[in-house]
Each structure stands twice: as C-alpha cells, then as structure tokens.
Amino acid sequence: MILYGIPTCDTCKKALKAFANEGIEVSFRDVRKDPLTEAEIDELVTEFGPAIINRQSTTWRSLSDFLRESEPEAQLAAQPTLMKRPVIRGPGGLTLGWSEEIAKAQGL
C-alpha cells in the first residue's frame, strides 16, 4: 500500500495514523521529494480527472494564468503539491482523499 502526499498535510497524517493504529503497513511517498512520473500523473488524471487538482490550495492561487489554463497533467508536473491528498494505492484500488468510505475500501 502506498500513500502519496506531503508530510505537512493534516489529511495525510490522519490517514497514516489510522493505518498505523490498525497495524497496516503503508509506504509514504512525499511527492515533493519524489515527484510523480509522467506515467503516474497520466494514471491519476485518467482515474480522477480534474478532481485530482486542489483548486482551493495556496499553490493554486499562486499559479500563473498560463498554468491555471493548462491541462491537469501539466499542472501536476509543474507543481506536485497541487494534487489533492492523499492518493492511496491499496487493496481498494486508487482512492483520492480521506473519509470513512475510503478507509473501508482500503481495508480499515
């Protein structure tokens, strides 16, 4: 199981803590330090569409008009922290965000 996010994200921290409390081992991937590959970005955009982009983030608000008008793939390649978090790859497939429903889908 892999959780994609950034270490300062409160939602990522909640998800990691929930898995740890249940004894489920999760590999954390910091998308700042280890950016997504082009293939991974394509997969996420195919799976989640434009919902993969967090348009309420401070990163989004600081984007140039050109980048705001770009495709999600270009936005994620330029600014990995635009990704809504967490993205979890686990027994429930790829999931976006954190909720009770996602926790159940991922085995909690």
PDB file of N, CA and C in Angstrom:
ATOM      1  N   MET A   1       0.856  -1.168   0.000  1.00  0.00           N
ATOM      2  CA  MET A   1       0.000   0.000   0.000  1.00  0.00           C
ATOM      3  C   MET A   1       0.899   1.227   0.000  1.00  0.00           C
ATOM      4  N   ILE A   2       0.552   2.193  -0.844  1.00  0.00           N
ATOM      5  CA  ILE A   2       1.314   3.427  -0.946  1.00  0.00           C
ATOM      6  C   ILE A   2       0.378   4.607  -0.734  1.00  0.00           C
ATOM      7  N   LEU A   3       0.804   5.540   0.095  1.00  0.00           N
ATOM      8  CA  LEU A   3       0.070   6.776   0.301  1.00  0.00           C
ATOM      9  C   LEU A   3       0.913   7.896  -0.296  1.00  0.00           C
ATOM     10  N   TYR A   4       0.357   8.592  -1.278  1.00  0.00           N
ATOM     11  CA  TYR A   4       1.033   9.703  -1.928  1.00  0.00           C
ATOM     12  C   TYR A   4       0.556  11.000  -1.284  1.00  0.00           C
ATOM     13  N   GLY A   5       1.493  11.853  -0.894  1.00  0.00           N
ATOM     14  CA  GLY A   5       1.116  13.120  -0.291  1.00  0.00           C
ATOM     15  C   GLY A   5       2.335  13.929   0.079  1.00  0.00           C
ATOM     16  N   ILE A   6       2.153  14.819   1.046  1.00  0.00           N
ATOM     17  CA  ILE A   6       3.270  15.583   1.596  1.00  0.00           C
ATOM     18  C   ILE A   6       3.211  15.467   3.113  1.00  0.00           C
ATOM     19  N   PRO A   7       4.371  15.491   3.767  1.00  0.00           N
ATOM     20  CA  PRO A   7       4.395  15.236   5.211  1.00  0.00           C
ATOM     21  C   PRO A   7       3.684  16.285   6.061  1.00  0.00           C
ATOM     22  N   THR A   8       3.476  17.483   5.536  1.00  0.00           N
ATOM     23  CA  THR A   8       2.824  18.527   6.320  1.00  0.00           C
ATOM     24  C   THR A   8       1.302  18.532   6.164  1.00  0.00           C
ATOM     25  N   CYS A   9       0.769  17.659   5.326  1.00  0.00           N
ATOM     26  CA  CYS A   9      -0.671  17.604   5.073  1.00  0.00           C
ATOM     27  C   CYS A   9      -1.391  16.914   6.240  1.00  0.00           C
ATOM     28  N   ASP A  10      -2.312  17.618   6.877  1.00  0.00           N
ATOM     29  CA  ASP A  10      -3.046  17.057   8.019  1.00  0.00           C
ATOM     30  C   ASP A  10      -3.876  15.839   7.622  1.00  0.00           C
ATOM     31  N   THR A  11      -4.455  15.853   6.428  1.00  0.00           N
ATOM     32  CA  THR A  11      -5.268  14.722   5.989  1.00  0.00           C
ATOM     33  C   THR A  11      -4.393  13.489   5.774  1.00  0.00           C
ATOM     34  N   CYS A  12      -3.209  13.691   5.213  1.00  0.00           N
ATOM     35  CA  CYS A  12      -2.271  12.569   5.047  1.00  0.00           C
ATOM     36  C   CYS A  12      -1.883  12.009   6.410  1.00  0.00           C
ATOM     37  N   LYS A  13      -1.629  12.890   7.363  1.00  0.00           N
ATOM     38  CA  LYS A  13      -1.257  12.459   8.716  1.00  0.00           C
ATOM     39  C   LYS A  13      -2.382  11.621   9.346  1.00  0.00           C
ATOM     40  N   LYS A  14      -3.634  12.060   9.180  1.00  0.00           N
ATOM     41  CA  LYS A  14      -4.775  11.314   9.724  1.00  0.00           C
ATOM     42  C   LYS A  14      -4.853   9.917   9.122  1.00  0.00           C
ATOM     43  N   ALA A  15      -4.690   9.844   7.807  1.00  0.00           N
ATOM     44  CA  ALA A  15      -4.765   8.547   7.125  1.00  0.00           C
ATOM     45  C   ALA A  15      -3.631   7.637   7.591  1.00  0.00           C
ATOM     46  N   LEU A  16      -2.426   8.167   7.649  1.00  0.00           N
ATOM     47  CA  LEU A  16      -1.279   7.357   8.101  1.00  0.00           C
ATOM     48  C   LEU A  16      -1.474   6.857   9.527  1.00  0.00           C
ATOM     49  N   LYS A  17      -2.010   7.714  10.381  1.00  0.00           N
ATOM     50  CA  LYS A  17      -2.244   7.330  11.776  1.00  0.00           C
ATOM     51  C   LYS A  17      -3.309   6.236  11.869  1.00  0.00           C
ATOM     52  N   ALA A  18      -4.364   6.357  11.071  1.00  0.00           N
ATOM     53  CA  ALA A  18      -5.426   5.344  11.082  1.00  0.00           C
ATOM     54  C   ALA A  18      -4.880   3.990  10.655  1.00  0.00           C
ATOM     55  N   PHE A  19      -4.055   3.956   9.612  1.00  0.00           N
ATOM     56  CA  PHE A  19      -3.461   2.693   9.174  1.00  0.00           C
ATOM     57  C   PHE A  19      -2.519   2.142  10.240  1.00  0.00           C
ATOM     58  N   ALA A  20      -1.710   3.005  10.835  1.00  0.00           N
ATOM     59  CA  ALA A  20      -0.767   2.569  11.875  1.00  0.00           C
ATOM     60  C   ALA A  20      -1.516   1.994  13.071  1.00  0.00           C
ATOM     61  N   ASN A  21      -2.629   2.614  13.460  1.00  0.00           N
ATOM     62  CA  ASN A  21      -3.421   2.136  14.599  1.00  0.00           C
ATOM     63  C   ASN A  21      -3.986   0.744  14.356  1.00  0.00           C
ATOM     64  N   GLU A  22      -4.186   0.402  13.090  1.00  0.00           N
ATOM     65  CA  GLU A  22      -4.700  -0.928  12.744  1.00  0.00           C
ATOM     66  C   GLU A  22      -3.582  -1.905  12.384  1.00  0.00           C
ATOM     67  N   GLY A  23      -2.338  -1.456  12.504  1.00  0.00           N
ATOM     68  CA  GLY A  23      -1.206  -2.321  12.207  1.00  0.00           C
ATOM     69  C   GLY A  23      -0.991  -2.576  10.724  1.00  0.00           C
ATOM     70  N   ILE A  24      -1.519  -1.696   9.896  1.00  0.00           N
ATOM     71  CA  ILE A  24      -1.371  -1.849   8.449  1.00  0.00           C
ATOM     72  C   ILE A  24      -0.166  -1.031   8.004  1.00  0.00           C
ATOM     73  N   GLU A  25       0.763  -1.701   7.363  1.00  0.00           N
ATOM     74  CA  GLU A  25       1.976  -1.029   6.906  1.00  0.00           C
ATOM     75  C   GLU A  25       1.698  -0.263   5.620  1.00  0.00           C
ATOM     76  N   VAL A  26       2.086   0.996   5.615  1.00  0.00           N
ATOM     77  CA  VAL A  26       1.871   1.864   4.470  1.00  0.00           C
ATOM     78  C   VAL A  26       3.193   2.526   4.111  1.00  0.00           C
ATOM     79  N   SER A  27       3.506   2.524   2.849  1.00  0.00           N
ATOM     80  CA  SER A  27       4.684   3.227   2.355  1.00  0.00           C
ATOM     81  C   SER A  27       4.248   4.643   2.007  1.00  0.00           C
ATOM     82  N   PHE A  28       4.913   5.635   2.592  1.00  0.00           N
ATOM     83  CA  PHE A  28       4.567   7.034   2.334  1.00  0.00           C
ATOM     84  C   PHE A  28       5.471   7.587   1.241  1.00  0.00           C
ATOM     85  N   ARG A  29       4.880   8.210   0.252  1.00  0.00           N
ATOM     86  CA  ARG A  29       5.655   8.816  -0.833  1.00  0.00           C
ATOM     87  C   ARG A  29       5.415  10.315  -0.834  1.00  0.00           C
ATOM     88  N   ASP A  30       6.470  11.052  -0.493  1.00  0.00           N
ATOM     89  CA  ASP A  30       6.434  12.507  -0.487  1.00  0.00           C
ATOM     90  C   ASP A  30       6.581  12.978  -1.930  1.00  0.00           C
ATOM     91  N   VAL A  31       5.516  13.539  -2.493  1.00  0.00           N
ATOM     92  CA  VAL A  31       5.537  13.914  -3.904  1.00  0.00           C
ATOM     93  C   VAL A  31       6.392  15.155  -4.172  1.00  0.00           C
ATOM     94  N   ARG A  32       6.819  15.827  -3.118  1.00  0.00           N
ATOM     95  CA  ARG A  32       7.772  16.928  -3.308  1.00  0.00           C
ATOM     96  C   ARG A  32       9.174  16.364  -3.519  1.00  0.00           C
ATOM     97  N   LYS A  33       9.559  15.447  -2.659  1.00  0.00           N
ATOM     98  CA  LYS A  33      10.913  14.883  -2.719  1.00  0.00           C
ATOM     99  C   LYS A  33      11.058  13.835  -3.808  1.00  0.00           C
ATOM    100  N   ASP A  34       9.987  13.118  -4.089  1.00  0.00           N
ATOM    101  CA  ASP A  34       9.996  12.058  -5.087  1.00  0.00           C
ATOM    102  C   ASP A  34       8.809  12.295  -6.028  1.00  0.00           C
ATOM    103  N   PRO A  35       8.952  13.259  -6.952  1.00  0.00           N
ATOM    104  CA  PRO A  35       7.817  13.634  -7.813  1.00  0.00           C
ATOM    105  C   PRO A  35       7.255  12.463  -8.607  1.00  0.00           C
ATOM    106  N   LEU A  36       6.004  12.592  -8.946  1.00  0.00           N
ATOM    107  CA  LEU A  36       5.327  11.585  -9.755  1.00  0.00           C
ATOM    108  C   LEU A  36       5.941  11.543 -11.154  1.00  0.00           C
ATOM    109  N   THR A  37       6.000  10.353 -11.716  1.00  0.00           N
ATOM    110  CA  THR A  37       6.474  10.209 -13.088  1.00  0.00           C
ATOM    111  C   THR A  37       5.364  10.631 -14.043  1.00  0.00           C
ATOM    112  N   GLU A  38       5.720  10.805 -15.290  1.00  0.00           N
ATOM    113  CA  GLU A  38       4.723  11.162 -16.298  1.00  0.00           C
ATOM    114  C   GLU A  38       3.627  10.095 -16.375  1.00  0.00           C
ATOM    115  N   ALA A  39       4.036   8.828 -16.304  1.00  0.00           N
ATOM    116  CA  ALA A  39       3.059   7.729 -16.355  1.00  0.00           C
ATOM    117  C   ALA A  39       2.137   7.757 -15.136  1.00  0.00           C
ATOM    118  N   GLU A  40       2.681   8.053 -13.963  1.00  0.00           N
ATOM    119  CA  GLU A  40       1.854   8.124 -12.743  1.00  0.00           C
ATOM    120  C   GLU A  40       0.873   9.290 -12.830  1.00  0.00           C
ATOM    121  N   ILE A  41       1.338  10.426 -13.323  1.00  0.00           N
ATOM    122  CA  ILE A  41       0.450  11.582 -13.490  1.00  0.00           C
ATOM    123  C   ILE A  41      -0.680  11.237 -14.449  1.00  0.00           C
ATOM    124  N   ASP A  42      -0.340  10.615 -15.569  1.00  0.00           N
ATOM    125  CA  ASP A  42      -1.367  10.216 -16.540  1.00  0.00           C
ATOM    126  C   ASP A  42      -2.389   9.278 -15.907  1.00  0.00           C
ATOM    127  N   GLU A  43      -1.900   8.320 -15.104  1.00  0.00           N
ATOM    128  CA  GLU A  43      -2.801   7.374 -14.452  1.00  0.00           C
ATOM    129  C   GLU A  43      -3.759   8.093 -13.499  1.00  0.00           C
ATOM    130  N   LEU A  44      -3.240   9.031 -12.706  1.00  0.00           N
ATOM    131  CA  LEU A  44      -4.083   9.745 -11.748  1.00  0.00           C
ATOM    132  C   LEU A  44      -5.112  10.627 -12.455  1.00  0.00           C
ATOM    133  N   VAL A  45      -4.695  11.301 -13.516  1.00  0.00           N
ATOM    134  CA  VAL A  45      -5.624  12.152 -14.250  1.00  0.00           C
ATOM    135  C   VAL A  45      -6.686  11.300 -14.949  1.00  0.00           C
ATOM    136  N   THR A  46      -6.285  10.143 -15.460  1.00  0.00           N
ATOM    137  CA  THR A  46      -7.258   9.234 -16.083  1.00  0.00           C
ATOM    138  C   THR A  46      -8.268   8.744 -15.047  1.00  0.00           C
ATOM    139  N   GLU A  47      -7.781   8.411 -13.852  1.00  0.00           N
ATOM    140  CA  GLU A  47      -8.647   7.875 -12.793  1.00  0.00           C
ATOM    141  C   GLU A  47      -9.573   8.940 -12.193  1.00  0.00           C
ATOM    142  N   PHE A  48      -9.032  10.126 -11.909  1.00  0.00           N
ATOM    143  CA  PHE A  48      -9.788  11.128 -11.153  1.00  0.00           C
ATOM    144  C   PHE A  48     -10.185  12.368 -11.955  1.00  0.00           C
ATOM    145  N   GLY A  49      -9.643  12.514 -13.154  1.00  0.00           N
ATOM    146  CA  GLY A  49      -9.952  13.695 -13.959  1.00  0.00           C
ATOM    147  C   GLY A  49      -9.459  14.964 -13.285  1.00  0.00           C
ATOM    148  N   PRO A  50     -10.116  16.072 -13.547  1.00  0.00           N
ATOM    149  CA  PRO A  50      -9.683  17.345 -12.972  1.00  0.00           C
ATOM    150  C   PRO A  50      -9.811  17.400 -11.447  1.00  0.00           C
ATOM    151  N   ALA A  51     -10.534  16.453 -10.842  1.00  0.00           N
ATOM    152  CA  ALA A  51     -10.683  16.431  -9.379  1.00  0.00           C
ATOM    153  C   ALA A  51      -9.347  16.188  -8.679  1.00  0.00           C
ATOM    154  N   ILE A  52      -8.337  15.714  -9.411  1.00  0.00           N
ATOM    155  CA  ILE A  52      -7.021  15.471  -8.810  1.00  0.00           C
ATOM    156  C   ILE A  52      -6.344  16.785  -8.415  1.00  0.00           C
ATOM    157  N   ILE A  53      -6.788  17.895  -8.998  1.00  0.00           N
ATOM    158  CA  ILE A  53      -6.182  19.200  -8.721  1.00  0.00           C
ATOM    159  C   ILE A  53      -6.930  19.894  -7.589  1.00  0.00           C
ATOM    160  N   ASN A  54      -6.171  20.335  -6.578  1.00  0.00           N
ATOM    161  CA  ASN A  54      -6.750  21.048  -5.443  1.00  0.00           C
ATOM    162  C   ASN A  54      -6.799  22.540  -5.771  1.00  0.00           C
ATOM    163  N   ARG A  55      -7.938  22.988  -6.232  1.00  0.00           N
ATOM    164  CA  ARG A  55      -8.088  24.381  -6.651  1.00  0.00           C
ATOM    165  C   ARG A  55      -8.336  25.337  -5.486  1.00  0.00           C
ATOM    166  N   GLN A  56      -8.331  24.820  -4.275  1.00  0.00           N
ATOM    167  CA  GLN A  56      -8.516  25.683  -3.108  1.00  0.00           C
ATOM    168  C   GLN A  56      -7.212  25.900  -2.349  1.00  0.00           C
ATOM    169  N   SER A  57      -6.121  25.373  -2.883  1.00  0.00           N
ATOM    170  CA  SER A  57      -4.835  25.474  -2.194  1.00  0.00           C
ATOM    171  C   SER A  57      -4.154  26.818  -2.450  1.00  0.00           C
ATOM    172  N   THR A  58      -3.233  27.167  -1.581  1.00  0.00           N
ATOM    173  CA  THR A  58      -2.449  28.378  -1.791  1.00  0.00           C
ATOM    174  C   THR A  58      -1.558  28.229  -3.026  1.00  0.00           C
ATOM    175  N   THR A  59      -1.142  27.012  -3.311  1.00  0.00           N
ATOM    176  CA  THR A  59      -0.340  26.771  -4.518  1.00  0.00           C
ATOM    177  C   THR A  59      -1.152  27.132  -5.758  1.00  0.00           C
ATOM    178  N   TRP A  60      -2.403  26.716  -5.799  1.00  0.00           N
ATOM    179  CA  TRP A  60      -3.273  27.029  -6.942  1.00  0.00           C
ATOM    180  C   TRP A  60      -3.435  28.540  -7.097  1.00  0.00           C
ATOM    181  N   ARG A  61      -3.651  29.225  -5.986  1.00  0.00           N
ATOM    182  CA  ARG A  61      -3.859  30.672  -6.045  1.00  0.00           C
ATOM    183  C   ARG A  61      -2.616  31.407  -6.534  1.00  0.00           C
ATOM    184  N   SER A  62      -1.450  30.814  -6.355  1.00  0.00           N
ATOM    185  CA  SER A  62      -0.208  31.480  -6.775  1.00  0.00           C
ATOM    186  C   SER A  62       0.221  31.121  -8.203  1.00  0.00           C
ATOM    187  N   LEU A  63      -0.532  30.254  -8.880  1.00  0.00           N
ATOM    188  CA  LEU A  63      -0.170  29.856 -10.240  1.00  0.00           C
ATOM    189  C   LEU A  63      -0.337  31.008 -11.234  1.00  0.00           C
ATOM    190  N   SER A  64       0.477  30.975 -12.271  1.00  0.00           N
ATOM    191  CA  SER A  64       0.309  31.926 -13.364  1.00  0.00           C
ATOM    192  C   SER A  64      -0.986  31.586 -14.110  1.00  0.00           C
ATOM    193  N   ASP A  65      -1.517  32.565 -14.819  1.00  0.00           N
ATOM    194  CA  ASP A  65      -2.726  32.321 -15.608  1.00  0.00           C
ATOM    195  C   ASP A  65      -2.495  31.223 -16.635  1.00  0.00           C
ATOM    196  N   PHE A  66      -1.306  31.205 -17.223  1.00  0.00           N
ATOM    197  CA  PHE A  66      -0.973  30.190 -18.220  1.00  0.00           C
ATOM    198  C   PHE A  66      -1.096  28.789 -17.619  1.00  0.00           C
ATOM    199  N   LEU A  67      -0.512  28.599 -16.433  1.00  0.00           N
ATOM    200  CA  LEU A  67      -0.554  27.269 -15.819  1.00  0.00           C
ATOM    201  C   LEU A  67      -1.965  26.912 -15.351  1.00  0.00           C
ATOM    202  N   ARG A  68      -2.722  27.894 -14.891  1.00  0.00           N
ATOM    203  CA  ARG A  68      -4.104  27.627 -14.482  1.00  0.00           C
ATOM    204  C   ARG A  68      -4.946  27.120 -15.648  1.00  0.00           C
ATOM    205  N   GLU A  69      -4.644  27.603 -16.833  1.00  0.00           N
ATOM    206  CA  GLU A  69      -5.393  27.205 -18.025  1.00  0.00           C
ATOM    207  C   GLU A  69      -4.856  25.916 -18.645  1.00  0.00           C
ATOM    208  N   SER A  70      -3.735  25.418 -18.139  1.00  0.00           N
ATOM    209  CA  SER A  70      -3.121  24.199 -18.669  1.00  0.00           C
ATOM    210  C   SER A  70      -3.900  22.962 -18.248  1.00  0.00           C
ATOM    211  N   GLU A  71      -3.577  21.848 -18.875  1.00  0.00           N
ATOM    212  CA  GLU A  71      -4.176  20.557 -18.529  1.00  0.00           C
ATOM    213  C   GLU A  71      -3.686  20.108 -17.152  1.00  0.00           C
ATOM    214  N   PRO A  72      -4.464  19.279 -16.447  1.00  0.00           N
ATOM    215  CA  PRO A  72      -4.050  18.790 -15.124  1.00  0.00           C
ATOM    216  C   PRO A  72      -2.670  18.112 -15.142  1.00  0.00           C
ATOM    217  N   GLU A  73      -2.355  17.424 -16.241  1.00  0.00           N
ATOM    218  CA  GLU A  73      -1.047  16.749 -16.323  1.00  0.00           C
ATOM    219  C   GLU A  73       0.086  17.762 -16.222  1.00  0.00           C
ATOM    220  N   ALA A  74      -0.039  18.883 -16.923  1.00  0.00           N
ATOM    221  CA  ALA A  74       0.994  19.923 -16.892  1.00  0.00           C
ATOM    222  C   ALA A  74       1.049  20.586 -15.518  1.00  0.00           C
ATOM    223  N   GLN A  75      -0.106  20.768 -14.900  1.00  0.00           N
ATOM    224  CA  GLN A  75      -0.148  21.391 -13.573  1.00  0.00           C
ATOM    225  C   GLN A  75       0.561  20.527 -12.535  1.00  0.00           C
ATOM    226  N   LEU A  76       0.283  19.219 -12.550  1.00  0.00           N
ATOM    227  CA  LEU A  76       0.929  18.310 -11.592  1.00  0.00           C
ATOM    228  C   LEU A  76       2.426  18.178 -11.848  1.00  0.00           C
ATOM    229  N   ALA A  77       2.816  18.183 -13.109  1.00  0.00           N
ATOM    230  CA  ALA A  77       4.232  18.087 -13.432  1.00  0.00           C
ATOM    231  C   ALA A  77       4.973  19.327 -12.927  1.00  0.00           C
ATOM    232  N   ALA A  78       4.350  20.496 -13.051  1.00  0.00           N
ATOM    233  CA  ALA A  78       4.987  21.742 -12.629  1.00  0.00           C
ATOM    234  C   ALA A  78       4.934  21.938 -11.115  1.00  0.00           C
ATOM    235  N   GLN A  79       3.831  21.559 -10.494  1.00  0.00           N
ATOM    236  CA  GLN A  79       3.613  21.771  -9.061  1.00  0.00           C
ATOM    237  C   GLN A  79       2.978  20.529  -8.438  1.00  0.00           C
ATOM    238  N   PRO A  80       3.776  19.554  -8.001  1.00  0.00           N
ATOM    239  CA  PRO A  80       3.216  18.310  -7.450  1.00  0.00           C
ATOM    240  C   PRO A  80       2.286  18.514  -6.258  1.00  0.00           C
ATOM    241  N   THR A  81       2.467  19.607  -5.524  1.00  0.00           N
ATOM    242  CA  THR A  81       1.619  19.829  -4.352  1.00  0.00           C
ATOM    243  C   THR A  81       0.209  20.285  -4.715  1.00  0.00           C
ATOM    244  N   LEU A  82      -0.073  20.481  -6.004  1.00  0.00           N
ATOM    245  CA  LEU A  82      -1.444  20.773  -6.436  1.00  0.00           C
ATOM    246  C   LEU A  82      -2.353  19.557  -6.316  1.00  0.00           C
ATOM    247  N   MET A  83      -1.748  18.377  -6.178  1.00  0.00           N
ATOM    248  CA  MET A  83      -2.518  17.139  -6.090  1.00  0.00           C
ATOM    249  C   MET A  83      -3.367  17.138  -4.818  1.00  0.00           C
ATOM    250  N   LYS A  84      -4.651  16.816  -4.976  1.00  0.00           N
ATOM    251  CA  LYS A  84      -5.471  16.606  -3.779  1.00  0.00           C
ATOM    252  C   LYS A  84      -4.892  15.413  -3.054  1.00  0.00           C
ATOM    253  N   ARG A  85      -4.979  15.432  -1.749  1.00  0.00           N
ATOM    254  CA  ARG A  85      -4.325  14.401  -0.954  1.00  0.00           C
ATOM    255  C   ARG A  85      -5.269  13.846   0.100  1.00  0.00           C
ATOM    256  N   PRO A  86      -4.943  12.629   0.523  1.00  0.00           N
ATOM    257  CA  PRO A  86      -3.949  11.717  -0.037  1.00  0.00           C
ATOM    258  C   PRO A  86      -4.520  10.923  -1.212  1.00  0.00           C
ATOM    259  N   VAL A  87      -3.610  10.445  -2.033  1.00  0.00           N
ATOM    260  CA  VAL A  87      -3.939   9.428  -3.025  1.00  0.00           C
ATOM    261  C   VAL A  87      -3.392   8.134  -2.449  1.00  0.00           C
ATOM    262  N   ILE A  88      -4.237   7.122  -2.380  1.00  0.00           N
ATOM    263  CA  ILE A  88      -3.825   5.841  -1.794  1.00  0.00           C
ATOM    264  C   ILE A  88      -3.961   4.753  -2.842  1.00  0.00           C
ATOM    265  N   ARG A  89      -2.886   3.993  -2.989  1.00  0.00           N
ATOM    266  CA  ARG A  89      -2.896   2.819  -3.860  1.00  0.00           C
ATOM    267  C   ARG A  89      -2.880   1.610  -2.920  1.00  0.00           C
ATOM    268  N   GLY A  90      -3.978   0.897  -2.896  1.00  0.00           N
ATOM    269  CA  GLY A  90      -4.073  -0.232  -1.976  1.00  0.00           C
ATOM    270  C   GLY A  90      -5.078  -1.252  -2.460  1.00  0.00           C
ATOM    271  N   PRO A  91      -5.553  -2.098  -1.539  1.00  0.00           N
ATOM    272  CA  PRO A  91      -6.498  -3.146  -1.918  1.00  0.00           C
ATOM    273  C   PRO A  91      -7.795  -2.602  -2.510  1.00  0.00           C
ATOM    274  N   GLY A  92      -8.124  -1.361  -2.186  1.00  0.00           N
ATOM    275  CA  GLY A  92      -9.331  -0.739  -2.730  1.00  0.00           C
ATOM    276  C   GLY A  92      -9.067  -0.005  -4.036  1.00  0.00           C
ATOM    277  N   GLY A  93      -7.910  -0.248  -4.636  1.00  0.00           N
ATOM    278  CA  GLY A  93      -7.543   0.452  -5.870  1.00  0.00           C
ATOM    279  C   GLY A  93      -6.975   1.820  -5.544  1.00  0.00           C
ATOM    280  N   LEU A  94      -7.086   2.725  -6.475  1.00  0.00           N
ATOM    281  CA  LEU A  94      -6.656   4.106  -6.247  1.00  0.00           C
ATOM    282  C   LEU A  94      -7.812   4.884  -5.644  1.00  0.00           C
ATOM    283  N   THR A  95      -7.540   5.582  -4.556  1.00  0.00           N
ATOM    284  CA  THR A  95      -8.561   6.427  -3.947  1.00  0.00           C
ATOM    285  C   THR A  95      -7.990   7.813  -3.732  1.00  0.00           C
ATOM    286  N   LEU A  96      -8.875   8.804  -3.691  1.00  0.00           N
ATOM    287  CA  LEU A  96      -8.494  10.197  -3.538  1.00  0.00           C
ATOM    288  C   LEU A  96      -9.184  10.772  -2.319  1.00  0.00           C
ATOM    289  N   GLY A  97      -8.397  11.344  -1.410  1.00  0.00           N
ATOM    290  CA  GLY A  97      -8.943  11.949  -0.203  1.00  0.00           C
ATOM    291  C   GLY A  97      -8.990  10.955   0.940  1.00  0.00           C
ATOM    292  N   TRP A  98      -9.650  11.360   2.020  1.00  0.00           N
ATOM    293  CA  TRP A  98      -9.750  10.507   3.189  1.00  0.00           C
ATOM    294  C   TRP A  98     -11.117  10.669   3.814  1.00  0.00           C
ATOM    295  N   SER A  99     -11.831   9.569   3.943  1.00  0.00           N
ATOM    296  CA  SER A  99     -13.156   9.542   4.563  1.00  0.00           C
ATOM    297  C   SER A  99     -13.370   8.133   5.111  1.00  0.00           C
ATOM    298  N   GLU A 100     -14.468   7.942   5.813  1.00  0.00           N
ATOM    299  CA  GLU A 100     -14.794   6.606   6.330  1.00  0.00           C
ATOM    300  C   GLU A 100     -14.952   5.611   5.181  1.00  0.00           C
ATOM    301  N   GLU A 101     -15.577   6.065   4.116  1.00  0.00           N
ATOM    302  CA  GLU A 101     -15.807   5.204   2.948  1.00  0.00           C
ATOM    303  C   GLU A 101     -14.469   4.766   2.324  1.00  0.00           C
ATOM    304  N   ILE A 102     -13.552   5.682   2.200  1.00  0.00           N
ATOM    305  CA  ILE A 102     -12.240   5.348   1.629  1.00  0.00           C
ATOM    306  C   ILE A 102     -11.470   4.446   2.572  1.00  0.00           C
ATOM    307  N   ALA A 103     -11.551   4.718   3.868  1.00  0.00           N
ATOM    308  CA  ALA A 103     -10.872   3.868   4.850  1.00  0.00           C
ATOM    309  C   ALA A 103     -11.370   2.433   4.734  1.00  0.00           C
ATOM    310  N   LYS A 104     -12.678   2.232   4.616  1.00  0.00           N
ATOM    311  CA  LYS A 104     -13.237   0.884   4.469  1.00  0.00           C
ATOM    312  C   LYS A 104     -12.779   0.243   3.173  1.00  0.00           C
ATOM    313  N   ALA A 105     -12.779   1.025   2.098  1.00  0.00           N
ATOM    314  CA  ALA A 105     -12.362   0.497   0.799  1.00  0.00           C
ATOM    315  C   ALA A 105     -10.897   0.037   0.839  1.00  0.00           C
ATOM    316  N   GLN A 106     -10.100   0.693   1.664  1.00  0.00           N
ATOM    317  CA  GLN A 106      -8.672   0.366   1.749  1.00  0.00           C
ATOM    318  C   GLN A 106      -8.347  -0.608   2.889  1.00  0.00           C
ATOM    319  N   GLY A 107      -9.353  -1.181   3.471  1.00  0.00           N
ATOM    320  CA  GLY A 107      -9.127  -2.273   4.415  1.00  0.00           C
ATOM    321  C   GLY A 107      -9.199  -1.925   5.883  1.00  0.00           C
ATOM    322  N   LEU A 108      -9.687  -0.759   6.252  1.00  0.00           N
ATOM    323  CA  LEU A 108      -9.832  -0.431   7.675  1.00  0.00           C
ATOM    324  C   LEU A 108     -11.229  -0.729   8.160  1.00  0.00           C
TER     325      LEU A 108
END
